[in-house]
Amino acid sequence: MRLRTTTVAACAALLAVTALAGCNRGSDSKAGTSGKVGIDLPRADSDFWNSYNGYIEKGVKAGDVSALPRTNSQNDIGKLVANVQSFANEGAKAIIMAPQDTGAIASTLDQMAKKKIPVISVDTRPDKGQVYMVVRADNKAYGEKACEYLGAQLKGKGKVAEFEGDLSSINGRDRSEAFASCMKTKFPAIKVIPLVTNWDGATASAKLQTTLASDPDLNGLYMQAGGVFLQPTLALLQQKHLLKPPGTPGHITIISNDGIPEEFKAIKAGQIDATISQPADLYAKYALYYAKEALAGKKFSPGPTDHDSNIIAIPNGLEDQLPAPLVTKANVDDPNLWANQLGKS
């Protein structure tokens, strides 16, 4: 797969001048493409991650890579470390993981680097430790898009509760920091009430209930992960008779992150207003793709790709930032959105 549109002649000219691998196509080495790939699935308690897991299995079954039996670290960094060590012991030549604690995985990544086992990190960017490629959407853009949508819908005034993810995860930090910065800069008259949830739906529901009691005029909500927050939130709002259609008095404008089918159903039903579609299908597709390219010894460089994303340099490797579109009632039926493709061949 070619990652930047550059002519063969241009690449040849570039290579004649410099020894650097150019054109972002990936540079071949003498390494072969054979070898097993170890794949750790991060959790099974989220609709988003269950969808991702399904796409991984589909890709493995199609022969995208030759994989060892999958493991599931169940949102436990200790289990992830043990699973990765087992992969290395079983002869894995590349590893795909999605560390939920992006700080605690550094020493394990260093160990894999010493063993020359390339690691692809999905959805989360490890704080330290060498990675071959991070496959991830721009999470700061998630926070900014959510801020801009809520700010526009609320006409710059009101109170917004925010379900923050785990702040030990770069995703939680990126979304929270970007949301807060955007609100402070663009919509200073909106009061933001951050609620730390550690990606736990029950915690989010309990904190929202307390917030509704102290701030009954709450008129906005940003959920950083619909996969874990959607159902408990809808249940609570329905119980309190606060699940009112858009455009009616007392409606709480809700935007989420993930883009799972349940969020689409909620948008169509007028229960939430929008979500940002996190590409579960592309996460799996390009995680497997980069694992295969790592086995082939290919290297990539920063720049735009031919799959509508951009590779950026990070302190410990590279990151392919995949697109994540805003979904509202206006485009919720778009057949190109991954949630509308589930169950189709």
C-alpha atoms as a PDB file:
ATOM      1  CA  MET A   1       0.000   0.000   0.000  1.00  0.00           C
ATOM      2  CA  ARG A   2       1.390   3.381  -1.011  1.00  0.00           C
ATOM      3  CA  LEU A   3       1.139   6.184   1.535  1.00  0.00           C
ATOM      4  CA  ARG A   4       1.950   9.309  -0.477  1.00  0.00           C
ATOM      5  CA  THR A   5       1.343  10.121  -4.107  1.00  0.00           C
ATOM      6  CA  THR A   6       4.805  10.676  -5.549  1.00  0.00           C
ATOM      7  CA  THR A   7       6.064   9.615  -8.926  1.00  0.00           C
ATOM      8  CA  VAL A   8       8.621   6.875  -9.281  1.00  0.00           C
ATOM      9  CA  ALA A   9      10.945   9.335 -10.994  1.00  0.00           C
ATOM     10  CA  ALA A  10      10.685  11.776  -8.106  1.00  0.00           C
ATOM     11  CA  CYS A  11      11.473   9.055  -5.611  1.00  0.00           C
ATOM     12  CA  ALA A  12      14.442   7.888  -7.670  1.00  0.00           C
ATOM     13  CA  ALA A  13      15.778  11.417  -7.846  1.00  0.00           C
ATOM     14  CA  LEU A  14      15.358  11.874  -4.128  1.00  0.00           C
ATOM     15  CA  LEU A  15      17.111   8.618  -3.336  1.00  0.00           C
ATOM     16  CA  ALA A  16      19.971   9.563  -5.629  1.00  0.00           C
ATOM     17  CA  VAL A  17      20.599  12.674  -3.535  1.00  0.00           C
ATOM     18  CA  THR A  18      19.996  11.294  -0.070  1.00  0.00           C
ATOM     19  CA  ALA A  19      20.158   8.024   1.760  1.00  0.00           C
ATOM     20  CA  LEU A  20      16.958   8.746   3.607  1.00  0.00           C
ATOM     21  CA  ALA A  21      13.897   6.608   2.932  1.00  0.00           C
ATOM     22  CA  GLY A  22      11.617   8.939   0.999  1.00  0.00           C
ATOM     23  CA  CYS A  23       8.193   9.461  -0.474  1.00  0.00           C
ATOM     24  CA  ASN A  24       6.507   8.002   2.605  1.00  0.00           C
ATOM     25  CA  ARG A  25       5.965   4.768   0.723  1.00  0.00           C
ATOM     26  CA  GLY A  26       8.032   2.837   3.219  1.00  0.00           C
ATOM     27  CA  SER A  27      11.560   1.696   2.514  1.00  0.00           C
ATOM     28  CA  ASP A  28      12.220  -1.984   1.982  1.00  0.00           C
ATOM     29  CA  SER A  29      14.904  -3.829   3.907  1.00  0.00           C
ATOM     30  CA  LYS A  30      16.123  -7.384   3.520  1.00  0.00           C
ATOM     31  CA  ALA A  31      13.736  -8.541   6.218  1.00  0.00           C
ATOM     32  CA  GLY A  32      11.090 -11.012   5.133  1.00  0.00           C
ATOM     33  CA  THR A  33       7.372 -10.715   5.657  1.00  0.00           C
ATOM     34  CA  SER A  34       7.006 -13.993   7.536  1.00  0.00           C
ATOM     35  CA  GLY A  35       6.425 -14.111  11.261  1.00  0.00           C
ATOM     36  CA  LYS A  36       3.663 -14.264  13.796  1.00  0.00           C
ATOM     37  CA  VAL A  37       1.959 -11.162  15.165  1.00  0.00           C
ATOM     38  CA  GLY A  38       0.851 -10.941  18.778  1.00  0.00           C
ATOM     39  CA  ILE A  39      -2.398  -8.997  19.235  1.00  0.00           C
ATOM     40  CA  ASP A  40      -3.675  -7.874  22.628  1.00  0.00           C
ATOM     41  CA  LEU A  41      -7.258  -6.604  22.774  1.00  0.00           C
ATOM     42  CA  PRO A  42      -7.615  -3.947  25.485  1.00  0.00           C
ATOM     43  CA  ARG A  43     -11.061  -4.673  26.922  1.00  0.00           C
ATOM     44  CA  ALA A  44     -14.421  -6.313  26.273  1.00  0.00           C
ATOM     45  CA  ASP A  45     -16.701  -4.007  28.280  1.00  0.00           C
ATOM     46  CA  SER A  46     -17.136  -1.367  25.573  1.00  0.00           C
ATOM     47  CA  ASP A  47     -19.207  -1.540  22.397  1.00  0.00           C
ATOM     48  CA  PHE A  48     -16.503   0.382  20.570  1.00  0.00           C
ATOM     49  CA  TRP A  49     -13.737  -2.027  21.524  1.00  0.00           C
ATOM     50  CA  ASN A  50     -15.915  -5.056  20.826  1.00  0.00           C
ATOM     51  CA  SER A  51     -16.430  -3.671  17.314  1.00  0.00           C
ATOM     52  CA  TYR A  52     -12.690  -3.145  16.934  1.00  0.00           C
ATOM     53  CA  ASN A  53     -12.084  -6.703  18.107  1.00  0.00           C
ATOM     54  CA  GLY A  54     -14.510  -7.941  15.457  1.00  0.00           C
ATOM     55  CA  TYR A  55     -12.636  -6.075  12.712  1.00  0.00           C
ATOM     56  CA  ILE A  56      -9.325  -7.504  13.965  1.00  0.00           C
ATOM     57  CA  GLU A  57     -10.704 -11.037  13.786  1.00  0.00           C
ATOM     58  CA  LYS A  58     -12.057 -10.383  10.296  1.00  0.00           C
ATOM     59  CA  GLY A  59      -8.656  -9.163   9.126  1.00  0.00           C
ATOM     60  CA  VAL A  60      -6.794 -12.081  10.681  1.00  0.00           C
ATOM     61  CA  LYS A  61      -9.242 -14.534   9.129  1.00  0.00           C
ATOM     62  CA  ALA A  62      -8.715 -12.856   5.738  1.00  0.00           C
ATOM     63  CA  GLY A  63      -4.988 -13.463   6.065  1.00  0.00           C
ATOM     64  CA  ASP A  64      -3.838  -9.874   6.554  1.00  0.00           C
ATOM     65  CA  VAL A  65      -1.301 -11.232   9.061  1.00  0.00           C
ATOM     66  CA  SER A  66      -0.438 -14.570  10.631  1.00  0.00           C
ATOM     67  CA  ALA A  67      -1.421 -14.063  14.255  1.00  0.00           C
ATOM     68  CA  LEU A  68      -0.879 -15.803  17.555  1.00  0.00           C
ATOM     69  CA  PRO A  69      -4.025 -16.503  19.614  1.00  0.00           C
ATOM     70  CA  ARG A  70      -5.399 -13.140  20.737  1.00  0.00           C
ATOM     71  CA  THR A  71      -5.237 -12.028  24.365  1.00  0.00           C
ATOM     72  CA  ASN A  72      -7.427  -9.540  26.234  1.00  0.00           C
ATOM     73  CA  SER A  73      -5.769  -7.453  28.946  1.00  0.00           C
ATOM     74  CA  GLN A  74      -9.158  -6.345  30.350  1.00  0.00           C
ATOM     75  CA  ASN A  75      -8.074  -2.754  31.010  1.00  0.00           C
ATOM     76  CA  ASP A  76      -5.339  -4.074  33.350  1.00  0.00           C
ATOM     77  CA  ILE A  77      -1.783  -2.888  32.683  1.00  0.00           C
ATOM     78  CA  GLY A  78      -0.356  -5.848  34.603  1.00  0.00           C
ATOM     79  CA  LYS A  79      -2.169  -8.280  32.320  1.00  0.00           C
ATOM     80  CA  LEU A  80      -1.037  -6.360  29.257  1.00  0.00           C
ATOM     81  CA  VAL A  81       2.606  -6.561  30.327  1.00  0.00           C
ATOM     82  CA  ALA A  82       2.271 -10.299  30.979  1.00  0.00           C
ATOM     83  CA  ASN A  83       0.531 -10.855  27.633  1.00  0.00           C
ATOM     84  CA  VAL A  84       3.225  -8.984  25.730  1.00  0.00           C
ATOM     85  CA  GLN A  85       5.959 -10.983  27.446  1.00  0.00           C
ATOM     86  CA  SER A  86       4.149 -14.181  26.481  1.00  0.00           C
ATOM     87  CA  PHE A  87       3.973 -13.033  22.856  1.00  0.00           C
ATOM     88  CA  ALA A  88       7.723 -12.420  22.863  1.00  0.00           C
ATOM     89  CA  ASN A  89       8.355 -15.849  24.395  1.00  0.00           C
ATOM     90  CA  GLU A  90       6.120 -17.445  21.757  1.00  0.00           C
ATOM     91  CA  GLY A  91       8.183 -15.924  18.959  1.00  0.00           C
ATOM     92  CA  ALA A  92       6.071 -12.929  17.937  1.00  0.00           C
ATOM     93  CA  LYS A  93       7.879 -10.777  15.376  1.00  0.00           C
ATOM     94  CA  ALA A  94       5.520  -7.800  15.808  1.00  0.00           C
ATOM     95  CA  ILE A  95       2.952  -6.822  18.441  1.00  0.00           C
ATOM     96  CA  ILE A  96      -0.308  -4.858  18.296  1.00  0.00           C
ATOM     97  CA  MET A  97      -1.599  -3.420  21.566  1.00  0.00           C
ATOM     98  CA  ALA A  98      -3.838  -0.639  22.861  1.00  0.00           C
ATOM     99  CA  PRO A  99      -2.445   0.312  26.293  1.00  0.00           C
ATOM    100  CA  GLN A 100      -5.104   2.027  28.387  1.00  0.00           C
ATOM    101  CA  ASP A 101      -2.464   3.296  30.827  1.00  0.00           C
ATOM    102  CA  THR A 102      -0.044   5.088  28.516  1.00  0.00           C
ATOM    103  CA  GLY A 103       2.549   5.821  31.176  1.00  0.00           C
ATOM    104  CA  ALA A 104       3.043   2.375  32.684  1.00  0.00           C
ATOM    105  CA  ILE A 105       3.833   0.574  29.419  1.00  0.00           C
ATOM    106  CA  ALA A 106       7.170   2.350  28.755  1.00  0.00           C
ATOM    107  CA  SER A 107       9.514  -0.267  30.237  1.00  0.00           C
ATOM    108  CA  THR A 108       7.752  -3.046  28.315  1.00  0.00           C
ATOM    109  CA  LEU A 109       8.147  -1.114  25.068  1.00  0.00           C
ATOM    110  CA  ASP A 110      11.845  -0.642  25.818  1.00  0.00           C
ATOM    111  CA  GLN A 111      12.191  -4.394  26.316  1.00  0.00           C
ATOM    112  CA  MET A 112      10.507  -5.082  22.979  1.00  0.00           C
ATOM    113  CA  ALA A 113      12.795  -2.563  21.275  1.00  0.00           C
ATOM    114  CA  LYS A 114      15.847  -4.375  22.638  1.00  0.00           C
ATOM    115  CA  LYS A 115      14.459  -7.609  21.241  1.00  0.00           C
ATOM    116  CA  LYS A 116      13.825  -5.848  17.898  1.00  0.00           C
ATOM    117  CA  ILE A 117      10.088  -6.597  18.080  1.00  0.00           C
ATOM    118  CA  PRO A 118       8.212  -3.620  16.548  1.00  0.00           C
ATOM    119  CA  VAL A 119       5.094  -2.484  18.376  1.00  0.00           C
ATOM    120  CA  ILE A 120       1.976  -0.904  16.888  1.00  0.00           C
ATOM    121  CA  SER A 121      -0.108   0.993  19.471  1.00  0.00           C
ATOM    122  CA  VAL A 122      -3.781   1.479  18.619  1.00  0.00           C
ATOM    123  CA  ASP A 123      -5.888   4.423  19.816  1.00  0.00           C
ATOM    124  CA  THR A 124      -3.439   5.411  22.552  1.00  0.00           C
ATOM    125  CA  ARG A 125       0.007   6.960  22.276  1.00  0.00           C
ATOM    126  CA  PRO A 126       2.421   5.640  24.899  1.00  0.00           C
ATOM    127  CA  ASP A 127       4.047   8.468  26.857  1.00  0.00           C
ATOM    128  CA  LYS A 128       7.491   6.858  26.508  1.00  0.00           C
ATOM    129  CA  GLY A 129       9.003   3.768  24.917  1.00  0.00           C
ATOM    130  CA  GLN A 130       9.704   3.142  21.243  1.00  0.00           C
ATOM    131  CA  VAL A 131       6.782   2.350  18.927  1.00  0.00           C
ATOM    132  CA  TYR A 132       6.859   1.463  15.234  1.00  0.00           C
ATOM    133  CA  MET A 133       3.567   3.274  14.614  1.00  0.00           C
ATOM    134  CA  VAL A 134       0.684   4.661  16.627  1.00  0.00           C
ATOM    135  CA  VAL A 135      -2.656   4.226  14.835  1.00  0.00           C
ATOM    136  CA  ARG A 136      -4.909   6.843  16.306  1.00  0.00           C
ATOM    137  CA  ALA A 137      -7.282   9.668  15.555  1.00  0.00           C
ATOM    138  CA  ASP A 138      -6.436  13.223  16.577  1.00  0.00           C
ATOM    139  CA  ASN A 139      -7.858  13.226  20.109  1.00  0.00           C
ATOM    140  CA  LYS A 140      -7.332  16.940  20.605  1.00  0.00           C
ATOM    141  CA  ALA A 141      -9.639  17.391  17.622  1.00  0.00           C
ATOM    142  CA  TYR A 142     -12.257  15.313  19.501  1.00  0.00           C
ATOM    143  CA  GLY A 143     -12.267  17.791  22.368  1.00  0.00           C
ATOM    144  CA  GLU A 144     -12.246  20.791  20.047  1.00  0.00           C
ATOM    145  CA  LYS A 145     -15.084  19.478  17.850  1.00  0.00           C
ATOM    146  CA  ALA A 146     -17.188  18.693  20.925  1.00  0.00           C
ATOM    147  CA  CYS A 147     -16.536  22.166  22.322  1.00  0.00           C
ATOM    148  CA  GLU A 148     -17.387  23.937  19.085  1.00  0.00           C
ATOM    149  CA  TYR A 149     -20.555  21.919  18.585  1.00  0.00           C
ATOM    150  CA  LEU A 150     -21.840  22.507  22.122  1.00  0.00           C
ATOM    151  CA  GLY A 151     -20.827  26.156  22.056  1.00  0.00           C
ATOM    152  CA  ALA A 152     -22.759  26.736  18.844  1.00  0.00           C
ATOM    153  CA  GLN A 153     -25.835  24.790  19.963  1.00  0.00           C
ATOM    154  CA  LEU A 154     -25.961  26.589  23.333  1.00  0.00           C
ATOM    155  CA  LYS A 155     -25.275  29.970  21.683  1.00  0.00           C
ATOM    156  CA  GLY A 156     -22.280  30.484  23.949  1.00  0.00           C
ATOM    157  CA  LYS A 157     -24.141  30.348  27.278  1.00  0.00           C
ATOM    158  CA  GLY A 158     -25.018  27.716  29.860  1.00  0.00           C
ATOM    159  CA  LYS A 159     -23.541  24.883  31.895  1.00  0.00           C
ATOM    160  CA  VAL A 160     -21.888  21.797  30.452  1.00  0.00           C
ATOM    161  CA  ALA A 161     -20.903  18.639  32.296  1.00  0.00           C
ATOM    162  CA  GLU A 162     -17.965  16.704  30.869  1.00  0.00           C
ATOM    163  CA  PHE A 163     -17.353  12.996  31.413  1.00  0.00           C
ATOM    164  CA  GLU A 164     -13.574  12.950  31.400  1.00  0.00           C
ATOM    165  CA  GLY A 165     -11.826   9.703  30.573  1.00  0.00           C
ATOM    166  CA  ASP A 166      -8.963   8.308  32.609  1.00  0.00           C
ATOM    167  CA  LEU A 167      -6.421  11.130  32.848  1.00  0.00           C
ATOM    168  CA  SER A 168      -3.592   8.576  33.083  1.00  0.00           C
ATOM    169  CA  SER A 169      -4.416   7.913  29.409  1.00  0.00           C
ATOM    170  CA  ILE A 170      -3.230  10.366  26.788  1.00  0.00           C
ATOM    171  CA  ASN A 171      -6.666  10.111  25.154  1.00  0.00           C
ATOM    172  CA  GLY A 172      -8.388  11.316  28.294  1.00  0.00           C
ATOM    173  CA  ARG A 173      -5.834  14.091  28.723  1.00  0.00           C
ATOM    174  CA  ASP A 174      -5.937  15.218  25.082  1.00  0.00           C
ATOM    175  CA  ARG A 175      -9.729  15.359  24.944  1.00  0.00           C
ATOM    176  CA  SER A 176     -10.044  17.062  28.329  1.00  0.00           C
ATOM    177  CA  GLU A 177      -7.309  19.647  27.753  1.00  0.00           C
ATOM    178  CA  ALA A 178      -8.520  20.511  24.252  1.00  0.00           C
ATOM    179  CA  PHE A 179     -12.147  20.800  25.390  1.00  0.00           C
ATOM    180  CA  ALA A 180     -11.234  23.027  28.342  1.00  0.00           C
ATOM    181  CA  SER A 181      -8.930  25.251  26.282  1.00  0.00           C
ATOM    182  CA  CYS A 182     -11.499  25.681  23.508  1.00  0.00           C
ATOM    183  CA  MET A 183     -14.299  26.515  25.954  1.00  0.00           C
ATOM    184  CA  LYS A 184     -12.146  29.053  27.808  1.00  0.00           C
ATOM    185  CA  THR A 185     -11.064  30.738  24.580  1.00  0.00           C
ATOM    186  CA  LYS A 186     -14.195  30.604  22.437  1.00  0.00           C
ATOM    187  CA  PHE A 187     -17.095  30.283  24.890  1.00  0.00           C
ATOM    188  CA  PRO A 188     -16.082  31.872  28.197  1.00  0.00           C
ATOM    189  CA  ALA A 189     -19.726  32.321  29.258  1.00  0.00           C
ATOM    190  CA  ILE A 190     -20.247  28.542  29.364  1.00  0.00           C
ATOM    191  CA  LYS A 191     -19.423  26.952  32.711  1.00  0.00           C
ATOM    192  CA  VAL A 192     -17.709  23.569  32.339  1.00  0.00           C
ATOM    193  CA  ILE A 193     -18.159  20.994  35.107  1.00  0.00           C
ATOM    194  CA  PRO A 194     -15.472  18.299  34.616  1.00  0.00           C
ATOM    195  CA  LEU A 195     -16.335  14.887  36.039  1.00  0.00           C
ATOM    196  CA  VAL A 196     -13.471  12.378  36.300  1.00  0.00           C
ATOM    197  CA  THR A 197     -14.825   8.917  35.436  1.00  0.00           C
ATOM    198  CA  ASN A 198     -11.824   6.679  34.605  1.00  0.00           C
ATOM    199  CA  TRP A 199     -13.879   5.459  31.607  1.00  0.00           C
ATOM    200  CA  ASP A 200     -16.446   3.886  33.971  1.00  0.00           C
ATOM    201  CA  GLY A 201     -20.148   4.224  33.151  1.00  0.00           C
ATOM    202  CA  ALA A 202     -21.435   3.708  36.702  1.00  0.00           C
ATOM    203  CA  THR A 203     -19.075   6.384  38.023  1.00  0.00           C
ATOM    204  CA  ALA A 204     -20.194   8.790  35.313  1.00  0.00           C
ATOM    205  CA  SER A 205     -23.883   8.190  36.067  1.00  0.00           C
ATOM    206  CA  ALA A 206     -23.416   8.722  39.801  1.00  0.00           C
ATOM    207  CA  LYS A 207     -21.490  11.949  39.280  1.00  0.00           C
ATOM    208  CA  LEU A 208     -24.034  13.219  36.764  1.00  0.00           C
ATOM    209  CA  GLN A 209     -26.820  12.578  39.248  1.00  0.00           C
ATOM    210  CA  THR A 210     -25.002  14.680  41.847  1.00  0.00           C
ATOM    211  CA  THR A 211     -24.365  17.404  39.296  1.00  0.00           C
ATOM    212  CA  LEU A 212     -28.023  17.536  38.234  1.00  0.00           C
ATOM    213  CA  ALA A 213     -28.974  18.044  41.890  1.00  0.00           C
ATOM    214  CA  SER A 214     -26.503  20.909  42.373  1.00  0.00           C
ATOM    215  CA  ASP A 215     -26.941  22.404  38.899  1.00  0.00           C
ATOM    216  CA  PRO A 216     -30.509  21.736  37.718  1.00  0.00           C
ATOM    217  CA  ASP A 217     -30.035  24.249  34.884  1.00  0.00           C
ATOM    218  CA  LEU A 218     -27.407  22.044  33.214  1.00  0.00           C
ATOM    219  CA  ASN A 219     -28.008  22.239  29.471  1.00  0.00           C
ATOM    220  CA  GLY A 220     -25.038  20.449  27.903  1.00  0.00           C
ATOM    221  CA  LEU A 221     -23.071  17.209  28.244  1.00  0.00           C
ATOM    222  CA  TYR A 222     -19.874  15.960  26.615  1.00  0.00           C
ATOM    223  CA  MET A 223     -19.284  12.204  26.922  1.00  0.00           C
ATOM    224  CA  GLN A 224     -15.730  11.249  25.974  1.00  0.00           C
ATOM    225  CA  ALA A 225     -16.689   7.621  25.272  1.00  0.00           C
ATOM    226  CA  GLY A 226     -20.176   6.645  24.190  1.00  0.00           C
ATOM    227  CA  GLY A 227     -19.312   2.968  24.405  1.00  0.00           C
ATOM    228  CA  VAL A 228     -19.226   3.080  28.200  1.00  0.00           C
ATOM    229  CA  PHE A 229     -21.247   6.214  29.002  1.00  0.00           C
ATOM    230  CA  LEU A 230     -24.258   6.130  26.677  1.00  0.00           C
ATOM    231  CA  GLN A 231     -26.572   3.569  28.255  1.00  0.00           C
ATOM    232  CA  PRO A 232     -26.159   4.581  31.927  1.00  0.00           C
ATOM    233  CA  THR A 233     -26.561   8.238  30.967  1.00  0.00           C
ATOM    234  CA  LEU A 234     -29.745   7.682  28.967  1.00  0.00           C
ATOM    235  CA  ALA A 235     -31.161   5.526  31.770  1.00  0.00           C
ATOM    236  CA  LEU A 236     -30.518   8.247  34.353  1.00  0.00           C
ATOM    237  CA  LEU A 237     -31.935  11.061  32.239  1.00  0.00           C
ATOM    238  CA  GLN A 238     -35.020   9.011  31.400  1.00  0.00           C
ATOM    239  CA  GLN A 239     -35.561   8.220  35.063  1.00  0.00           C
ATOM    240  CA  LYS A 240     -35.428  11.934  35.885  1.00  0.00           C
ATOM    241  CA  HIS A 241     -37.658  12.861  32.920  1.00  0.00           C
ATOM    242  CA  LEU A 242     -34.839  14.905  31.409  1.00  0.00           C
ATOM    243  CA  LEU A 243     -34.587  13.051  28.104  1.00  0.00           C
ATOM    244  CA  LYS A 244     -36.332  15.733  26.072  1.00  0.00           C
ATOM    245  CA  PRO A 245     -36.188  16.074  22.258  1.00  0.00           C
ATOM    246  CA  PRO A 246     -33.929  18.694  20.674  1.00  0.00           C
ATOM    247  CA  GLY A 247     -35.636  22.051  20.305  1.00  0.00           C
ATOM    248  CA  THR A 248     -37.913  21.586  23.320  1.00  0.00           C
ATOM    249  CA  PRO A 249     -37.560  23.421  26.654  1.00  0.00           C
ATOM    250  CA  GLY A 250     -35.244  21.632  29.087  1.00  0.00           C
ATOM    251  CA  HIS A 251     -33.377  19.693  26.401  1.00  0.00           C
ATOM    252  CA  ILE A 252     -29.816  18.816  27.402  1.00  0.00           C
ATOM    253  CA  THR A 253     -27.578  18.957  24.332  1.00  0.00           C
ATOM    254  CA  ILE A 254     -25.365  15.860  24.306  1.00  0.00           C
ATOM    255  CA  ILE A 255     -22.315  15.097  22.179  1.00  0.00           C
ATOM    256  CA  SER A 256     -20.351  11.893  22.488  1.00  0.00           C
ATOM    257  CA  ASN A 257     -17.227  10.182  21.136  1.00  0.00           C
ATOM    258  CA  ASP A 258     -17.034   6.732  19.502  1.00  0.00           C
ATOM    259  CA  GLY A 259     -19.580   6.503  16.678  1.00  0.00           C
ATOM    260  CA  ILE A 260     -21.064   3.127  17.657  1.00  0.00           C
ATOM    261  CA  PRO A 261     -24.438   1.964  16.266  1.00  0.00           C
ATOM    262  CA  GLU A 262     -26.161   2.630  19.614  1.00  0.00           C
ATOM    263  CA  GLU A 263     -25.140   6.285  19.410  1.00  0.00           C
ATOM    264  CA  PHE A 264     -26.542   6.497  15.894  1.00  0.00           C
ATOM    265  CA  LYS A 265     -29.844   5.052  17.142  1.00  0.00           C
ATOM    266  CA  ALA A 266     -29.870   7.598  19.961  1.00  0.00           C
ATOM    267  CA  ILE A 267     -29.260  10.450  17.508  1.00  0.00           C
ATOM    268  CA  LYS A 268     -32.142   9.274  15.303  1.00  0.00           C
ATOM    269  CA  ALA A 269     -34.387   8.980  18.363  1.00  0.00           C
ATOM    270  CA  GLY A 270     -33.517  12.513  19.501  1.00  0.00           C
ATOM    271  CA  GLN A 271     -31.901  11.243  22.705  1.00  0.00           C
ATOM    272  CA  ILE A 272     -28.451  12.672  21.950  1.00  0.00           C
ATOM    273  CA  ASP A 273     -27.477  15.287  19.417  1.00  0.00           C
ATOM    274  CA  ALA A 274     -24.125  14.230  17.973  1.00  0.00           C
ATOM    275  CA  THR A 275     -21.097  11.987  18.209  1.00  0.00           C
ATOM    276  CA  ILE A 276     -17.609  11.955  16.761  1.00  0.00           C
ATOM    277  CA  SER A 277     -17.040   8.738  14.866  1.00  0.00           C
ATOM    278  CA  GLN A 278     -13.874   7.042  16.065  1.00  0.00           C
ATOM    279  CA  PRO A 279     -12.895   4.722  13.196  1.00  0.00           C
ATOM    280  CA  ALA A 280     -12.930   1.229  14.722  1.00  0.00           C
ATOM    281  CA  ASP A 281     -12.667  -0.305  11.263  1.00  0.00           C
ATOM    282  CA  LEU A 282      -9.670   1.786  10.255  1.00  0.00           C
ATOM    283  CA  TYR A 283      -7.972   1.221  13.601  1.00  0.00           C
ATOM    284  CA  ALA A 284      -8.029  -2.514  12.944  1.00  0.00           C
ATOM    285  CA  LYS A 285      -7.216  -2.219   9.236  1.00  0.00           C
ATOM    286  CA  TYR A 286      -4.141  -0.062   9.685  1.00  0.00           C
ATOM    287  CA  ALA A 287      -2.945  -1.806  12.845  1.00  0.00           C
ATOM    288  CA  LEU A 288      -2.742  -5.010  10.815  1.00  0.00           C
ATOM    289  CA  TYR A 289      -1.294  -3.158   7.833  1.00  0.00           C
ATOM    290  CA  TYR A 290       1.536  -1.607   9.838  1.00  0.00           C
ATOM    291  CA  ALA A 291       2.249  -4.918  11.569  1.00  0.00           C
ATOM    292  CA  LYS A 292       2.658  -6.513   8.142  1.00  0.00           C
ATOM    293  CA  GLU A 293       4.884  -3.669   6.932  1.00  0.00           C
ATOM    294  CA  ALA A 294       6.985  -3.910  10.096  1.00  0.00           C
ATOM    295  CA  LEU A 295       7.594  -7.589   9.352  1.00  0.00           C
ATOM    296  CA  ALA A 296       8.755  -6.538   5.883  1.00  0.00           C
ATOM    297  CA  GLY A 297      11.212  -4.098   7.416  1.00  0.00           C
ATOM    298  CA  LYS A 298       9.577  -0.998   5.947  1.00  0.00           C
ATOM    299  CA  LYS A 299      10.004   2.473   7.403  1.00  0.00           C
ATOM    300  CA  PHE A 300       7.723   5.485   7.080  1.00  0.00           C
ATOM    301  CA  SER A 301       8.179   9.221   7.314  1.00  0.00           C
ATOM    302  CA  PRO A 302       5.914  12.121   8.343  1.00  0.00           C
ATOM    303  CA  GLY A 303       3.449  13.487   5.819  1.00  0.00           C
ATOM    304  CA  PRO A 304      -0.008  13.014   4.296  1.00  0.00           C
ATOM    305  CA  THR A 305      -1.153   9.528   3.334  1.00  0.00           C
ATOM    306  CA  ASP A 306      -3.382   8.217   0.568  1.00  0.00           C
ATOM    307  CA  HIS A 307      -6.028   7.158   3.095  1.00  0.00           C
ATOM    308  CA  ASP A 308      -7.014  10.693   4.155  1.00  0.00           C
ATOM    309  CA  SER A 309      -4.788  10.825   7.217  1.00  0.00           C
ATOM    310  CA  ASN A 310      -1.506  12.362   8.242  1.00  0.00           C
ATOM    311  CA  ILE A 311       1.587  10.750   9.735  1.00  0.00           C
ATOM    312  CA  ILE A 312       3.278  12.922  12.346  1.00  0.00           C
ATOM    313  CA  ALA A 313       6.546  12.506  14.215  1.00  0.00           C
ATOM    314  CA  ILE A 314       6.243  11.894  17.964  1.00  0.00           C
ATOM    315  CA  PRO A 315       9.144  11.709  20.448  1.00  0.00           C
ATOM    316  CA  ASN A 316       9.071   7.900  20.492  1.00  0.00           C
ATOM    317  CA  GLY A 317       8.145   7.076  16.887  1.00  0.00           C
ATOM    318  CA  LEU A 318       5.450   7.950  14.368  1.00  0.00           C
ATOM    319  CA  GLU A 319       1.682   8.379  14.550  1.00  0.00           C
ATOM    320  CA  ASP A 320      -0.853   7.932  11.759  1.00  0.00           C
ATOM    321  CA  GLN A 321      -3.726  10.266  12.651  1.00  0.00           C
ATOM    322  CA  LEU A 322      -6.890   8.901  11.056  1.00  0.00           C
ATOM    323  CA  PRO A 323      -9.953  11.044  10.299  1.00  0.00           C
ATOM    324  CA  ALA A 324     -12.878  11.137  12.750  1.00  0.00           C
ATOM    325  CA  PRO A 325     -15.985  12.902  11.385  1.00  0.00           C
ATOM    326  CA  LEU A 326     -18.708  14.669  13.345  1.00  0.00           C
ATOM    327  CA  VAL A 327     -22.039  12.804  13.093  1.00  0.00           C
ATOM    328  CA  THR A 328     -25.389  14.544  13.590  1.00  0.00           C
ATOM    329  CA  LYS A 329     -28.937  13.871  12.449  1.00  0.00           C
ATOM    330  CA  ALA A 330     -27.946  15.380   9.086  1.00  0.00           C
ATOM    331  CA  ASN A 331     -25.441  12.642   8.200  1.00  0.00           C
ATOM    332  CA  VAL A 332     -26.182   9.795  10.595  1.00  0.00           C
ATOM    333  CA  ASP A 333     -27.308   7.564   7.704  1.00  0.00           C
ATOM    334  CA  ASP A 334     -24.104   8.057   5.695  1.00  0.00           C
ATOM    335  CA  PRO A 335     -23.229   4.553   4.417  1.00  0.00           C
ATOM    336  CA  ASN A 336     -19.508   5.356   4.616  1.00  0.00           C
ATOM    337  CA  LEU A 337     -19.577   5.544   8.416  1.00  0.00           C
ATOM    338  CA  TRP A 338     -18.298   2.279   9.896  1.00  0.00           C
ATOM    339  CA  ALA A 339     -21.246   1.850  12.252  1.00  0.00           C
ATOM    340  CA  ASN A 340     -23.549   1.732   9.209  1.00  0.00           C
ATOM    341  CA  GLN A 341     -21.458  -1.001   7.611  1.00  0.00           C
ATOM    342  CA  LEU A 342     -21.700  -3.567  10.418  1.00  0.00           C
ATOM    343  CA  GLY A 343     -23.314  -6.791   9.296  1.00  0.00           C
ATOM    344  CA  LYS A 344     -22.675  -6.039   5.633  1.00  0.00           C
ATOM    345  CA  SER A 345     -20.280  -8.084   3.525  1.00  0.00           C
END
